[in-house]
Amino acid sequence: MTTKLYVANLSDIDVKGSRKIKYNDIEIAVFRLTDDSVLAVENRCPHKNGQLSEGMVCGTTVHCPLHDWKIDLRSGQVQEPDDGCVTTFETEIDRESGSIYVTV
């Protein structure tokens, strides 16, 4: 069963910024990229559980604020030489209202 969660309006999140939402026991980080697309991943680095929502966004990659692990926001894959993966979530933007939704 999937659930569509309202996150915020696109204008509520700065470019290269993020928003956190919680669903059951999962915390999700939602990122607004420079092209106004939105990507979402589980808000924890697989290395030491750093909050990715506090990391720096470069392109479609977020840098974990604890140890600078680089995570691809599209695939959830950690970039080499490090190894790991985080869960990604489907996102949708209603272009008329600007509302952002995440499917879990």
PDB file of N, CA and C in Angstrom:
ATOM      1  N   MET A   1       0.839  -1.184   0.000  1.00  0.00           N
ATOM      2  CA  MET A   1       0.000   0.000   0.000  1.00  0.00           C
ATOM      3  C   MET A   1       0.880   1.242   0.000  1.00  0.00           C
ATOM      4  N   THR A   2       0.575   2.172  -0.887  1.00  0.00           N
ATOM      5  CA  THR A   2       1.340   3.413  -0.945  1.00  0.00           C
ATOM      6  C   THR A   2       0.511   4.571  -0.405  1.00  0.00           C
ATOM      7  N   THR A   3       1.226   5.537   0.132  1.00  0.00           N
ATOM      8  CA  THR A   3       0.598   6.727   0.682  1.00  0.00           C
ATOM      9  C   THR A   3       1.285   7.945   0.091  1.00  0.00           C
ATOM     10  N   LYS A   4       0.505   8.927  -0.326  1.00  0.00           N
ATOM     11  CA  LYS A   4       1.044  10.176  -0.855  1.00  0.00           C
ATOM     12  C   LYS A   4       0.964  11.223   0.255  1.00  0.00           C
ATOM     13  N   LEU A   5       2.119  11.763   0.620  1.00  0.00           N
ATOM     14  CA  LEU A   5       2.208  12.732   1.712  1.00  0.00           C
ATOM     15  C   LEU A   5       2.482  14.131   1.178  1.00  0.00           C
ATOM     16  N   TYR A   6       1.741  15.099   1.662  1.00  0.00           N
ATOM     17  CA  TYR A   6       2.019  16.498   1.343  1.00  0.00           C
ATOM     18  C   TYR A   6       3.260  16.917   2.128  1.00  0.00           C
ATOM     19  N   VAL A   7       4.201  17.594   1.454  1.00  0.00           N
ATOM     20  CA  VAL A   7       5.432  18.039   2.102  1.00  0.00           C
ATOM     21  C   VAL A   7       5.382  19.538   2.395  1.00  0.00           C
ATOM     22  N   ALA A   8       5.211  20.326   1.340  1.00  0.00           N
ATOM     23  CA  ALA A   8       5.234  21.792   1.434  1.00  0.00           C
ATOM     24  C   ALA A   8       4.946  22.325   0.039  1.00  0.00           C
ATOM     25  N   ASN A   9       4.923  23.631  -0.080  1.00  0.00           N
ATOM     26  CA  ASN A   9       4.893  24.244  -1.405  1.00  0.00           C
ATOM     27  C   ASN A   9       6.329  24.425  -1.873  1.00  0.00           C
ATOM     28  N   LEU A  10       6.526  24.366  -3.181  1.00  0.00           N
ATOM     29  CA  LEU A  10       7.871  24.495  -3.735  1.00  0.00           C
ATOM     30  C   LEU A  10       8.530  25.780  -3.249  1.00  0.00           C
ATOM     31  N   SER A  11       7.772  26.852  -3.169  1.00  0.00           N
ATOM     32  CA  SER A  11       8.332  28.143  -2.742  1.00  0.00           C
ATOM     33  C   SER A  11       8.748  28.158  -1.271  1.00  0.00           C
ATOM     34  N   ASP A  12       8.319  27.160  -0.496  1.00  0.00           N
ATOM     35  CA  ASP A  12       8.685  27.082   0.923  1.00  0.00           C
ATOM     36  C   ASP A  12      10.085  26.513   1.145  1.00  0.00           C
ATOM     37  N   ILE A  13      10.667  25.901   0.107  1.00  0.00           N
ATOM     38  CA  ILE A  13      11.989  25.292   0.233  1.00  0.00           C
ATOM     39  C   ILE A  13      12.958  26.080  -0.644  1.00  0.00           C
ATOM     40  N   ASP A  14      14.040  26.561  -0.051  1.00  0.00           N
ATOM     41  CA  ASP A  14      15.048  27.295  -0.813  1.00  0.00           C
ATOM     42  C   ASP A  14      15.687  26.377  -1.852  1.00  0.00           C
ATOM     43  N   VAL A  15      16.157  26.959  -2.953  1.00  0.00           N
ATOM     44  CA  VAL A  15      16.921  26.198  -3.935  1.00  0.00           C
ATOM     45  C   VAL A  15      18.161  25.626  -3.243  1.00  0.00           C
ATOM     46  N   LYS A  16      18.421  24.353  -3.455  1.00  0.00           N
ATOM     47  CA  LYS A  16      19.492  23.585  -2.807  1.00  0.00           C
ATOM     48  C   LYS A  16      19.243  23.428  -1.301  1.00  0.00           C
ATOM     49  N   GLY A  17      18.001  23.639  -0.888  1.00  0.00           N
ATOM     50  CA  GLY A  17      17.615  23.462   0.505  1.00  0.00           C
ATOM     51  C   GLY A  17      16.817  22.183   0.672  1.00  0.00           C
ATOM     52  N   SER A  18      16.378  21.944   1.898  1.00  0.00           N
ATOM     53  CA  SER A  18      15.643  20.706   2.178  1.00  0.00           C
ATOM     54  C   SER A  18      14.545  20.941   3.200  1.00  0.00           C
ATOM     55  N   ARG A  19      13.722  19.937   3.321  1.00  0.00           N
ATOM     56  CA  ARG A  19      12.629  19.902   4.303  1.00  0.00           C
ATOM     57  C   ARG A  19      12.586  18.470   4.827  1.00  0.00           C
ATOM     58  N   LYS A  20      12.312  18.299   6.106  1.00  0.00           N
ATOM     59  CA  LYS A  20      12.177  16.958   6.688  1.00  0.00           C
ATOM     60  C   LYS A  20      10.713  16.669   6.941  1.00  0.00           C
ATOM     61  N   ILE A  21      10.313  15.421   6.677  1.00  0.00           N
ATOM     62  CA  ILE A  21       8.988  14.962   7.070  1.00  0.00           C
ATOM     63  C   ILE A  21       9.153  13.592   7.711  1.00  0.00           C
ATOM     64  N   LYS A  22       8.191  13.226   8.513  1.00  0.00           N
ATOM     65  CA  LYS A  22       8.237  11.931   9.179  1.00  0.00           C
ATOM     66  C   LYS A  22       6.969  11.161   8.857  1.00  0.00           C
ATOM     67  N   TYR A  23       7.141   9.881   8.554  1.00  0.00           N
ATOM     68  CA  TYR A  23       6.013   8.991   8.293  1.00  0.00           C
ATOM     69  C   TYR A  23       6.279   7.702   9.060  1.00  0.00           C
ATOM     70  N   ASN A  24       5.426   7.406  10.031  1.00  0.00           N
ATOM     71  CA  ASN A  24       5.663   6.264  10.937  1.00  0.00           C
ATOM     72  C   ASN A  24       7.057   6.411  11.527  1.00  0.00           C
ATOM     73  N   ASP A  25       7.937   5.439  11.319  1.00  0.00           N
ATOM     74  CA  ASP A  25       9.288   5.510  11.888  1.00  0.00           C
ATOM     75  C   ASP A  25      10.331   5.986  10.887  1.00  0.00           C
ATOM     76  N   ILE A  26       9.894   6.487   9.737  1.00  0.00           N
ATOM     77  CA  ILE A  26      10.816   6.892   8.686  1.00  0.00           C
ATOM     78  C   ILE A  26      10.891   8.414   8.627  1.00  0.00           C
ATOM     79  N   GLU A  27      12.099   8.946   8.669  1.00  0.00           N
ATOM     80  CA  GLU A  27      12.286  10.371   8.445  1.00  0.00           C
ATOM     81  C   GLU A  27      12.806  10.538   7.024  1.00  0.00           C
ATOM     82  N   ILE A  28      12.196  11.443   6.279  1.00  0.00           N
ATOM     83  CA  ILE A  28      12.503  11.641   4.867  1.00  0.00           C
ATOM     84  C   ILE A  28      13.014  13.064   4.667  1.00  0.00           C
ATOM     85  N   ALA A  29      14.096  13.187   3.892  1.00  0.00           N
ATOM     86  CA  ALA A  29      14.633  14.487   3.519  1.00  0.00           C
ATOM     87  C   ALA A  29      14.211  14.779   2.084  1.00  0.00           C
ATOM     88  N   VAL A  30      13.607  15.933   1.871  1.00  0.00           N
ATOM     89  CA  VAL A  30      13.121  16.343   0.557  1.00  0.00           C
ATOM     90  C   VAL A  30      13.963  17.539   0.125  1.00  0.00           C
ATOM     91  N   PHE A  31      14.599  17.421  -1.047  1.00  0.00           N
ATOM     92  CA  PHE A  31      15.521  18.438  -1.533  1.00  0.00           C
ATOM     93  C   PHE A  31      14.975  19.131  -2.778  1.00  0.00           C
ATOM     94  N   ARG A  32      15.128  20.458  -2.819  1.00  0.00           N
ATOM     95  CA  ARG A  32      14.800  21.229  -4.024  1.00  0.00           C
ATOM     96  C   ARG A  32      16.109  21.526  -4.747  1.00  0.00           C
ATOM     97  N   LEU A  33      16.183  21.113  -6.011  1.00  0.00           N
ATOM     98  CA  LEU A  33      17.393  21.298  -6.794  1.00  0.00           C
ATOM     99  C   LEU A  33      17.338  22.605  -7.576  1.00  0.00           C
ATOM    100  N   THR A  34      18.431  22.957  -8.213  1.00  0.00           N
ATOM    101  CA  THR A  34      18.523  24.241  -8.918  1.00  0.00           C
ATOM    102  C   THR A  34      17.572  24.333 -10.104  1.00  0.00           C
ATOM    103  N   ASP A  35      17.145  23.193 -10.657  1.00  0.00           N
ATOM    104  CA  ASP A  35      16.194  23.223 -11.777  1.00  0.00           C
ATOM    105  C   ASP A  35      14.744  23.153 -11.300  1.00  0.00           C
ATOM    106  N   ASP A  36      14.526  23.321  -9.991  1.00  0.00           N
ATOM    107  CA  ASP A  36      13.214  23.263  -9.337  1.00  0.00           C
ATOM    108  C   ASP A  36      12.613  21.860  -9.308  1.00  0.00           C
ATOM    109  N   SER A  37      13.417  20.837  -9.619  1.00  0.00           N
ATOM    110  CA  SER A  37      12.944  19.476  -9.390  1.00  0.00           C
ATOM    111  C   SER A  37      13.103  19.174  -7.899  1.00  0.00           C
ATOM    112  N   VAL A  38      12.429  18.144  -7.440  1.00  0.00           N
ATOM    113  CA  VAL A  38      12.444  17.776  -6.029  1.00  0.00           C
ATOM    114  C   VAL A  38      12.738  16.285  -5.930  1.00  0.00           C
ATOM    115  N   LEU A  39      13.692  15.927  -5.062  1.00  0.00           N
ATOM    116  CA  LEU A  39      14.043  14.523  -4.835  1.00  0.00           C
ATOM    117  C   LEU A  39      13.983  14.239  -3.343  1.00  0.00           C
ATOM    118  N   ALA A  40      13.683  12.982  -2.996  1.00  0.00           N
ATOM    119  CA  ALA A  40      13.528  12.624  -1.587  1.00  0.00           C
ATOM    120  C   ALA A  40      14.255  11.319  -1.281  1.00  0.00           C
ATOM    121  N   VAL A  41      14.920  11.298  -0.132  1.00  0.00           N
ATOM    122  CA  VAL A  41      15.633  10.110   0.346  1.00  0.00           C
ATOM    123  C   VAL A  41      15.410   9.960   1.845  1.00  0.00           C
ATOM    124  N   GLU A  42      15.671   8.758   2.329  1.00  0.00           N
ATOM    125  CA  GLU A  42      15.644   8.554   3.778  1.00  0.00           C
ATOM    126  C   GLU A  42      16.693   9.478   4.390  1.00  0.00           C
ATOM    127  N   ASN A  43      16.355  10.123   5.491  1.00  0.00           N
ATOM    128  CA  ASN A  43      17.192  11.169   6.079  1.00  0.00           C
ATOM    129  C   ASN A  43      18.267  10.610   7.006  1.00  0.00           C
ATOM    130  N   ARG A  44      19.029   9.656   6.491  1.00  0.00           N
ATOM    131  CA  ARG A  44      20.138   9.140   7.309  1.00  0.00           C
ATOM    132  C   ARG A  44      21.210   8.564   6.401  1.00  0.00           C
ATOM    133  N   CYS A  45      22.426   8.946   6.666  1.00  0.00           N
ATOM    134  CA  CYS A  45      23.563   8.414   5.924  1.00  0.00           C
ATOM    135  C   CYS A  45      23.806   6.980   6.395  1.00  0.00           C
ATOM    136  N   PRO A  46      24.099   6.051   5.480  1.00  0.00           N
ATOM    137  CA  PRO A  46      24.331   4.666   5.894  1.00  0.00           C
ATOM    138  C   PRO A  46      25.621   4.483   6.690  1.00  0.00           C
ATOM    139  N   HIS A  47      26.470   5.480   6.744  1.00  0.00           N
ATOM    140  CA  HIS A  47      27.745   5.372   7.450  1.00  0.00           C
ATOM    141  C   HIS A  47      27.561   5.519   8.960  1.00  0.00           C
ATOM    142  N   LYS A  48      27.125   6.681   9.397  1.00  0.00           N
ATOM    143  CA  LYS A  48      26.972   6.957  10.839  1.00  0.00           C
ATOM    144  C   LYS A  48      25.650   7.638  11.146  1.00  0.00           C
ATOM    145  N   ASN A  49      24.661   7.455  10.260  1.00  0.00           N
ATOM    146  CA  ASN A  49      23.314   7.994  10.441  1.00  0.00           C
ATOM    147  C   ASN A  49      23.249   9.515  10.485  1.00  0.00           C
ATOM    148  N   GLY A  50      24.182  10.198   9.830  1.00  0.00           N
ATOM    149  CA  GLY A  50      24.123  11.655   9.744  1.00  0.00           C
ATOM    150  C   GLY A  50      22.847  12.102   9.044  1.00  0.00           C
ATOM    151  N   GLN A  51      22.301  13.229   9.458  1.00  0.00           N
ATOM    152  CA  GLN A  51      21.071  13.739   8.849  1.00  0.00           C
ATOM    153  C   GLN A  51      21.395  14.395   7.519  1.00  0.00           C
ATOM    154  N   LEU A  52      20.987  13.731   6.438  1.00  0.00           N
ATOM    155  CA  LEU A  52      21.283  14.227   5.101  1.00  0.00           C
ATOM    156  C   LEU A  52      20.614  15.567   4.829  1.00  0.00           C
ATOM    157  N   SER A  53      19.498  15.840   5.495  1.00  0.00           N
ATOM    158  CA  SER A  53      18.802  17.116   5.303  1.00  0.00           C
ATOM    159  C   SER A  53      19.673  18.300   5.723  1.00  0.00           C
ATOM    160  N   GLU A  54      20.727  18.050   6.488  1.00  0.00           N
ATOM    161  CA  GLU A  54      21.643  19.099   6.922  1.00  0.00           C
ATOM    162  C   GLU A  54      22.872  19.196   6.028  1.00  0.00           C
ATOM    163  N   GLY A  55      22.930  18.339   4.996  1.00  0.00           N
ATOM    164  CA  GLY A  55      24.082  18.308   4.111  1.00  0.00           C
ATOM    165  C   GLY A  55      24.010  19.335   3.005  1.00  0.00           C
ATOM    166  N   MET A  56      25.122  19.503   2.308  1.00  0.00           N
ATOM    167  CA  MET A  56      25.221  20.434   1.191  1.00  0.00           C
ATOM    168  C   MET A  56      24.853  19.713  -0.107  1.00  0.00           C
ATOM    169  N   VAL A  57      24.022  20.361  -0.916  1.00  0.00           N
ATOM    170  CA  VAL A  57      23.593  19.792  -2.193  1.00  0.00           C
ATOM    171  C   VAL A  57      24.469  20.353  -3.311  1.00  0.00           C
ATOM    172  N   CYS A  58      24.989  19.447  -4.135  1.00  0.00           N
ATOM    173  CA  CYS A  58      25.770  19.812  -5.323  1.00  0.00           C
ATOM    174  C   CYS A  58      25.198  19.017  -6.488  1.00  0.00           C
ATOM    175  N   GLY A  59      24.523  19.699  -7.398  1.00  0.00           N
ATOM    176  CA  GLY A  59      23.883  18.984  -8.505  1.00  0.00           C
ATOM    177  C   GLY A  59      22.778  18.089  -7.968  1.00  0.00           C
ATOM    178  N   THR A  60      22.904  16.781  -8.205  1.00  0.00           N
ATOM    179  CA  THR A  60      21.923  15.816  -7.686  1.00  0.00           C
ATOM    180  C   THR A  60      22.543  14.954  -6.589  1.00  0.00           C
ATOM    181  N   THR A  61      23.546  15.509  -5.916  1.00  0.00           N
ATOM    182  CA  THR A  61      24.250  14.795  -4.850  1.00  0.00           C
ATOM    183  C   THR A  61      24.143  15.594  -3.562  1.00  0.00           C
ATOM    184  N   VAL A  62      23.987  14.877  -2.444  1.00  0.00           N
ATOM    185  CA  VAL A  62      24.045  15.529  -1.144  1.00  0.00           C
ATOM    186  C   VAL A  62      25.276  14.998  -0.413  1.00  0.00           C
ATOM    187  N   HIS A  63      25.971  15.906   0.280  1.00  0.00           N
ATOM    188  CA  HIS A  63      27.157  15.542   1.048  1.00  0.00           C
ATOM    189  C   HIS A  63      26.740  15.409   2.511  1.00  0.00           C
ATOM    190  N   CYS A  64      26.966  14.238   3.088  1.00  0.00           N
ATOM    191  CA  CYS A  64      26.619  14.020   4.495  1.00  0.00           C
ATOM    192  C   CYS A  64      27.400  15.023   5.351  1.00  0.00           C
ATOM    193  N   PRO A  65      26.724  15.676   6.295  1.00  0.00           N
ATOM    194  CA  PRO A  65      27.403  16.688   7.114  1.00  0.00           C
ATOM    195  C   PRO A  65      28.408  16.103   8.106  1.00  0.00           C
ATOM    196  N   LEU A  66      28.345  14.801   8.383  1.00  0.00           N
ATOM    197  CA  LEU A  66      29.266  14.226   9.363  1.00  0.00           C
ATOM    198  C   LEU A  66      30.637  13.901   8.771  1.00  0.00           C
ATOM    199  N   HIS A  67      30.670  13.142   7.687  1.00  0.00           N
ATOM    200  CA  HIS A  67      31.948  12.675   7.146  1.00  0.00           C
ATOM    201  C   HIS A  67      32.064  12.861   5.643  1.00  0.00           C
ATOM    202  N   ASP A  68      31.206  13.715   5.061  1.00  0.00           N
ATOM    203  CA  ASP A  68      31.264  14.095   3.650  1.00  0.00           C
ATOM    204  C   ASP A  68      31.048  12.932   2.680  1.00  0.00           C
ATOM    205  N   TRP A  69      30.328  11.903   3.092  1.00  0.00           N
ATOM    206  CA  TRP A  69      29.949  10.873   2.127  1.00  0.00           C
ATOM    207  C   TRP A  69      29.013  11.530   1.128  1.00  0.00           C
ATOM    208  N   LYS A  70      29.165  11.163  -0.145  1.00  0.00           N
ATOM    209  CA  LYS A  70      28.363  11.758  -1.212  1.00  0.00           C
ATOM    210  C   LYS A  70      27.305  10.756  -1.664  1.00  0.00           C
ATOM    211  N   ILE A  71      26.038  11.172  -1.617  1.00  0.00           N
ATOM    212  CA  ILE A  71      24.921  10.287  -1.940  1.00  0.00           C
ATOM    213  C   ILE A  71      24.146  10.864  -3.117  1.00  0.00           C
ATOM    214  N   ASP A  72      23.958  10.037  -4.147  1.00  0.00           N
ATOM    215  CA  ASP A  72      23.185  10.429  -5.318  1.00  0.00           C
ATOM    216  C   ASP A  72      21.711  10.459  -4.921  1.00  0.00           C
ATOM    217  N   LEU A  73      21.073  11.604  -5.060  1.00  0.00           N
ATOM    218  CA  LEU A  73      19.678  11.749  -4.638  1.00  0.00           C
ATOM    219  C   LEU A  73      18.703  11.025  -5.565  1.00  0.00           C
ATOM    220  N   ARG A  74      19.116  10.699  -6.784  1.00  0.00           N
ATOM    221  CA  ARG A  74      18.235   9.980  -7.710  1.00  0.00           C
ATOM    222  C   ARG A  74      18.215   8.484  -7.414  1.00  0.00           C
ATOM    223  N   SER A  75      19.383   7.910  -7.156  1.00  0.00           N
ATOM    224  CA  SER A  75      19.482   6.457  -6.969  1.00  0.00           C
ATOM    225  C   SER A  75      19.611   6.039  -5.509  1.00  0.00           C
ATOM    226  N   GLY A  76      20.062   6.950  -4.648  1.00  0.00           N
ATOM    227  CA  GLY A  76      20.327   6.613  -3.256  1.00  0.00           C
ATOM    228  C   GLY A  76      21.696   5.999  -3.041  1.00  0.00           C
ATOM    229  N   GLN A  77      22.452   5.794  -4.123  1.00  0.00           N
ATOM    230  CA  GLN A  77      23.769   5.157  -4.027  1.00  0.00           C
ATOM    231  C   GLN A  77      24.815   6.119  -3.470  1.00  0.00           C
ATOM    232  N   VAL A  78      25.652   5.588  -2.582  1.00  0.00           N
ATOM    233  CA  VAL A  78      26.799   6.326  -2.083  1.00  0.00           C
ATOM    234  C   VAL A  78      27.885   6.269  -3.157  1.00  0.00           C
ATOM    235  N   GLN A  79      28.562   7.381  -3.377  1.00  0.00           N
ATOM    236  CA  GLN A  79      29.603   7.418  -4.396  1.00  0.00           C
ATOM    237  C   GLN A  79      30.908   6.835  -3.874  1.00  0.00           C
ATOM    238  N   GLU A  80      31.659   6.221  -4.784  1.00  0.00           N
ATOM    239  CA  GLU A  80      32.967   5.652  -4.450  1.00  0.00           C
ATOM    240  C   GLU A  80      33.904   6.746  -3.967  1.00  0.00           C
ATOM    241  N   PRO A  81      34.841   6.460  -3.096  1.00  0.00           N
ATOM    242  CA  PRO A  81      35.274   5.132  -2.679  1.00  0.00           C
ATOM    243  C   PRO A  81      34.418   4.528  -1.559  1.00  0.00           C
ATOM    244  N   ASP A  82      33.432   5.286  -1.070  1.00  0.00           N
ATOM    245  CA  ASP A  82      32.570   4.776  -0.008  1.00  0.00           C
ATOM    246  C   ASP A  82      31.511   3.868  -0.614  1.00  0.00           C
ATOM    247  N   ASP A  83      30.779   3.159   0.238  1.00  0.00           N
ATOM    248  CA  ASP A  83      29.829   2.178  -0.260  1.00  0.00           C
ATOM    249  C   ASP A  83      28.584   2.180   0.618  1.00  0.00           C
ATOM    250  N   GLY A  84      27.427   2.059  -0.010  1.00  0.00           N
ATOM    251  CA  GLY A  84      26.170   1.990   0.720  1.00  0.00           C
ATOM    252  C   GLY A  84      25.045   2.544  -0.124  1.00  0.00           C
ATOM    253  N   CYS A  85      23.867   2.584   0.465  1.00  0.00           N
ATOM    254  CA  CYS A  85      22.687   3.040  -0.253  1.00  0.00           C
ATOM    255  C   CYS A  85      21.645   3.515   0.756  1.00  0.00           C
ATOM    256  N   VAL A  86      20.861   4.506   0.355  1.00  0.00           N
ATOM    257  CA  VAL A  86      19.719   4.942   1.150  1.00  0.00           C
ATOM    258  C   VAL A  86      18.459   4.765   0.309  1.00  0.00           C
ATOM    259  N   THR A  87      17.336   4.668   0.965  1.00  0.00           N
ATOM    260  CA  THR A  87      16.059   4.520   0.283  1.00  0.00           C
ATOM    261  C   THR A  87      15.665   5.839  -0.374  1.00  0.00           C
ATOM    262  N   THR A  88      15.190   5.759  -1.604  1.00  0.00           N
ATOM    263  CA  THR A  88      14.677   6.933  -2.306  1.00  0.00           C
ATOM    264  C   THR A  88      13.152   6.850  -2.346  1.00  0.00           C
ATOM    265  N   PHE A  89      12.517   7.995  -2.533  1.00  0.00           N
ATOM    266  CA  PHE A  89      11.056   8.064  -2.574  1.00  0.00           C
ATOM    267  C   PHE A  89      10.619   8.858  -3.792  1.00  0.00           C
ATOM    268  N   GLU A  90       9.535   8.429  -4.404  1.00  0.00           N
ATOM    269  CA  GLU A  90       8.972   9.123  -5.551  1.00  0.00           C
ATOM    270  C   GLU A  90       8.417  10.467  -5.095  1.00  0.00           C
ATOM    271  N   THR A  91       8.657  11.500  -5.902  1.00  0.00           N
ATOM    272  CA  THR A  91       8.145  12.836  -5.599  1.00  0.00           C
ATOM    273  C   THR A  91       7.275  13.328  -6.747  1.00  0.00           C
ATOM    274  N   GLU A  92       6.421  14.276  -6.426  1.00  0.00           N
ATOM    275  CA  GLU A  92       5.541  14.869  -7.426  1.00  0.00           C
ATOM    276  C   GLU A  92       5.301  16.322  -7.043  1.00  0.00           C
ATOM    277  N   ILE A  93       5.306  17.186  -8.056  1.00  0.00           N
ATOM    278  CA  ILE A  93       4.985  18.595  -7.833  1.00  0.00           C
ATOM    279  C   ILE A  93       3.748  18.918  -8.643  1.00  0.00           C
ATOM    280  N   ASP A  94       2.734  19.434  -7.969  1.00  0.00           N
ATOM    281  CA  ASP A  94       1.545  19.934  -8.663  1.00  0.00           C
ATOM    282  C   ASP A  94       1.923  21.324  -9.167  1.00  0.00           C
ATOM    283  N   ARG A  95       2.146  21.450 -10.465  1.00  0.00           N
ATOM    284  CA  ARG A  95       2.655  22.707 -11.033  1.00  0.00           C
ATOM    285  C   ARG A  95       1.656  23.852 -10.925  1.00  0.00           C
ATOM    286  N   GLU A  96       0.382  23.571 -10.800  1.00  0.00           N
ATOM    287  CA  GLU A  96      -0.614  24.644 -10.645  1.00  0.00           C
ATOM    288  C   GLU A  96      -0.543  25.262  -9.249  1.00  0.00           C
ATOM    289  N   SER A  97      -0.495  24.402  -8.220  1.00  0.00           N
ATOM    290  CA  SER A  97      -0.509  24.898  -6.849  1.00  0.00           C
ATOM    291  C   SER A  97       0.894  25.026  -6.258  1.00  0.00           C
ATOM    292  N   GLY A  98       1.877  24.308  -6.847  1.00  0.00           N
ATOM    293  CA  GLY A  98       3.230  24.299  -6.279  1.00  0.00           C
ATOM    294  C   GLY A  98       3.393  23.315  -5.155  1.00  0.00           C
ATOM    295  N   SER A  99       2.366  22.512  -4.869  1.00  0.00           N
ATOM    296  CA  SER A  99       2.413  21.537  -3.777  1.00  0.00           C
ATOM    297  C   SER A  99       3.349  20.385  -4.112  1.00  0.00           C
ATOM    298  N   ILE A 100       4.157  19.989  -3.125  1.00  0.00           N
ATOM    299  CA  ILE A 100       5.078  18.867  -3.267  1.00  0.00           C
ATOM    300  C   ILE A 100       4.512  17.678  -2.502  1.00  0.00           C
ATOM    301  N   TYR A 101       4.574  16.500  -3.132  1.00  0.00           N
ATOM    302  CA  TYR A 101       4.119  15.271  -2.509  1.00  0.00           C
ATOM    303  C   TYR A 101       5.214  14.208  -2.604  1.00  0.00           C
ATOM    304  N   VAL A 102       5.285  13.363  -1.578  1.00  0.00           N
ATOM    305  CA  VAL A 102       6.194  12.221  -1.560  1.00  0.00           C
ATOM    306  C   VAL A 102       5.349  10.972  -1.397  1.00  0.00           C
ATOM    307  N   THR A 103       5.652   9.946  -2.179  1.00  0.00           N
ATOM    308  CA  THR A 103       4.943   8.663  -2.073  1.00  0.00           C
ATOM    309  C   THR A 103       5.789   7.702  -1.266  1.00  0.00           C
ATOM    310  N   VAL A 104       5.187   7.131  -0.227  1.00  0.00           N
ATOM    311  CA  VAL A 104       5.869   6.137   0.610  1.00  0.00           C
ATOM    312  C   VAL A 104       5.125   4.825   0.558  1.00  0.00           C
TER     313      VAL A 104
END
